[in-house]
Protein backbone atom coordinates (compact mmCIF):
# COMPACT_ATOMS: atom_id res chain seq x y z
CA MET A 1 -22.70 4.84 -14.09
CA ILE A 2 -21.12 8.60 -14.48
CA PRO A 3 -21.24 9.55 -18.04
CA LEU A 4 -17.43 10.65 -19.02
CA SER A 5 -18.22 14.26 -19.36
CA ILE A 6 -19.49 14.27 -15.80
CA MET A 7 -16.99 12.54 -14.55
CA SER A 8 -14.12 14.64 -16.77
CA SER A 9 -15.43 17.99 -15.54
CA MET A 10 -15.42 16.34 -11.79
CA LEU A 11 -12.09 15.84 -12.42
CA LYS A 12 -11.47 18.88 -13.62
CA SER A 13 -12.87 20.51 -10.61
CA LEU A 14 -10.01 18.26 -8.51
CA GLU A 15 -7.67 19.92 -10.37
CA ASP A 16 -8.77 23.44 -9.62
CA THR A 17 -9.16 22.56 -5.71
CA PRO A 18 -6.78 23.08 -3.94
CA GLY A 19 -5.29 20.25 -1.78
CA ALA A 20 -8.37 18.05 -3.52
CA VAL A 21 -7.45 13.94 -3.85
CA ALA A 22 -8.66 12.44 -7.45
CA PRO A 23 -9.86 9.13 -6.71
CA SER A 24 -8.17 6.03 -7.07
CA GLY A 25 -4.70 8.28 -8.77
CA LEU A 26 -6.80 8.67 -11.87
CA ASN A 27 -5.89 12.30 -12.12
CA GLY A 28 -2.74 14.27 -10.15
CA PRO A 29 0.97 14.34 -10.26
CA SER A 30 2.38 11.95 -12.16
CA GLU A 31 4.27 10.66 -9.16
CA VAL A 32 0.53 9.76 -7.81
CA GLN A 33 -0.08 8.09 -10.87
CA THR A 34 2.79 5.83 -11.22
CA THR A 35 3.06 4.67 -7.78
CA VAL A 36 -0.90 3.94 -7.88
CA ALA A 37 -0.14 1.92 -11.14
CA GLU A 38 2.81 -0.07 -9.17
CA ILE A 39 0.45 -0.72 -6.31
CA ASP A 40 -1.70 -2.44 -8.83
CA ALA A 41 1.06 -3.96 -10.36
CA PHE A 42 2.22 -5.75 -7.37
CA LEU A 43 -1.27 -6.59 -5.83
CA ASP A 44 -2.53 -7.72 -9.36
CA LYS A 45 0.15 -10.58 -9.11
CA GLN A 46 -0.68 -11.59 -5.91
CA ALA A 47 -4.29 -12.32 -6.37
CA SER A 48 -5.36 -12.48 -2.65
CA LEU A 49 -8.12 -12.58 -0.04
CA CYS A 50 -7.10 -9.28 1.05
CA ARG A 51 -6.31 -7.52 -2.00
CA ASP A 52 -9.09 -4.89 -2.33
CA VAL A 53 -8.96 -3.85 1.17
CA ILE A 54 -5.21 -3.17 1.24
CA ARG A 55 -5.24 -1.62 -2.34
CA ARG A 56 -8.14 0.68 -1.35
CA ASP A 57 -6.17 2.05 2.36
CA ALA A 58 -2.34 1.99 -0.12
CA VAL A 59 -4.25 4.07 -2.57
CA THR A 60 -5.50 6.28 -0.26
CA SER A 61 -2.31 6.87 1.24
CA ALA A 62 -0.49 7.65 -2.07
CA ASN A 63 -3.28 9.89 -3.33
CA GLU A 64 -2.08 11.71 -0.41
CA GLN A 65 -0.53 14.29 -3.44
CA ASP A 66 1.95 16.39 -1.15
CA LYS A 67 3.41 13.30 0.69
CA THR A 68 3.79 11.36 -2.20
CA VAL A 69 5.46 14.04 -4.72
CA HIS A 70 7.87 14.44 -1.13
CA SER A 71 8.83 11.12 -1.29
CA ILE A 72 9.84 10.67 -4.80
CA ARG A 73 11.01 14.02 -5.52
CA HIS A 74 13.03 14.93 -2.72
CA ASP A 75 13.34 11.65 -1.00
CA GLY A 76 14.59 9.88 -3.78
CA LEU A 77 12.49 6.76 -3.17
CA GLN A 78 11.39 5.10 -6.43
CA PRO A 79 7.40 4.63 -7.18
CA ASP A 80 7.65 0.97 -7.36
CA HIS A 81 9.79 1.47 -3.69
CA LEU A 82 6.99 3.74 -2.07
CA ALA A 83 4.27 1.65 -3.39
CA LEU A 84 5.63 -1.30 -1.30
CA ILE A 85 6.28 0.92 2.03
CA LEU A 86 2.80 1.55 1.55
CA ILE A 87 1.37 -1.68 1.40
CA THR A 88 3.55 -3.33 3.99
CA ASN A 89 2.03 -0.24 6.19
CA VAL A 90 -0.82 -1.02 5.81
CA LEU A 91 -0.55 -4.75 6.31
CA GLY A 92 1.36 -4.07 9.32
CA ASN A 93 -1.31 -1.82 10.81
CA ARG A 94 -4.23 -4.21 9.88
CA LEU A 95 -1.99 -7.42 11.67
CA THR A 96 -1.04 -5.48 14.50
CA SER A 97 -4.68 -4.42 14.95
CA GLY A 98 -5.93 -8.28 16.47
CA HIS A 99 -8.80 -7.37 13.80
CA TYR A 100 -7.85 -10.78 11.61
CA HIS A 101 -6.83 -13.11 14.62
CA VAL A 102 -8.75 -16.11 15.87
CA TYR A 103 -6.85 -16.38 19.28
CA ARG A 104 -3.59 -14.61 20.48
CA GLY A 105 -0.78 -15.29 18.27
CA VAL A 106 -3.26 -17.00 15.54
CA LEU A 107 -4.38 -15.69 12.49
CA SER A 108 -7.36 -16.01 10.63
CA ALA A 109 -7.63 -17.33 7.07
CA ILE A 110 -7.48 -13.72 5.79
CA GLY A 111 -4.98 -12.59 8.45
CA ASP A 112 -2.68 -15.57 7.03
CA ASP A 113 -3.13 -14.27 3.51
CA MET A 114 -2.29 -10.89 4.64
CA LEU A 115 0.89 -12.25 6.55
CA ASN A 116 1.44 -14.10 3.42
CA LEU A 117 1.53 -10.72 1.51
CA TRP A 118 3.95 -9.19 4.16
CA GLY A 119 6.28 -11.76 3.18
CA THR A 120 5.86 -11.59 -0.57
CA ALA A 121 6.14 -7.22 -0.19
CA VAL A 122 9.49 -7.59 1.93
CA SER A 123 11.03 -10.02 -0.35
CA ALA A 124 10.28 -7.82 -3.28
CA MET A 125 11.81 -5.09 -1.25
CA HIS A 126 14.84 -7.38 -0.54
CA GLN A 127 15.09 -8.52 -4.14
CA ARG A 128 15.13 -4.72 -5.82
CA GLY A 129 17.94 -3.72 -3.43
CA TYR A 130 15.69 -1.36 -1.38
CA TYR A 131 16.57 -3.76 1.55
CA SER A 132 19.56 -5.65 3.30
CA ASP A 133 19.37 -9.08 4.11
CA ASP A 134 19.25 -7.58 7.80
CA GLU A 135 16.38 -5.39 7.38
CA ALA A 136 14.09 -8.17 5.27
CA GLN A 137 14.72 -10.69 8.38
CA GLU A 138 14.17 -7.72 10.85
CA ASP A 139 10.90 -7.01 9.58
CA MET A 140 9.99 -10.55 9.17
CA ARG A 141 10.59 -11.00 12.89
CA TRP A 142 9.10 -7.68 13.77
CA ILE A 143 5.86 -8.61 11.98
CA GLN A 144 5.91 -12.23 13.81
CA ALA A 145 6.60 -11.19 17.25
CA GLU A 146 3.54 -8.25 16.85
CA ILE A 147 0.91 -10.89 15.74
CA ASN A 148 2.06 -13.36 18.73
CA ASN A 149 1.51 -10.49 21.27
CA VAL A 150 -1.89 -9.18 19.66
CA GLY A 151 -5.20 -11.28 19.40
């Protein structure tokens, strides 16, 4: 375990280093911290097999401070919306990679879990008003078509 004094000095040195990214959104702009908290809040409710790998990749994306700050301050995204976008981006990349298939068009148990999480995230974006009915349906059709073509 790293003593708190050493961790504090590590985080302080990250603040002074241009372009440095703090681990897991512990430090940095409030937009990054809030987006990471939203990622965790969404994934904590899901308790899925793929949670840890999806969290790691989504938090890594959120920790790209310039992009996260720009998305929230300039593009007007809400942190929960950005968190859901990052989660679905990670899921989409993984589901279409073929690594979570047992046969062409047939997902493994972890792949099925990812697809369920995808559906939950798309549904959350729709329920929160970030997606229209058509956008949500199109995303679900797209992911299913990609899954059927890969593996």
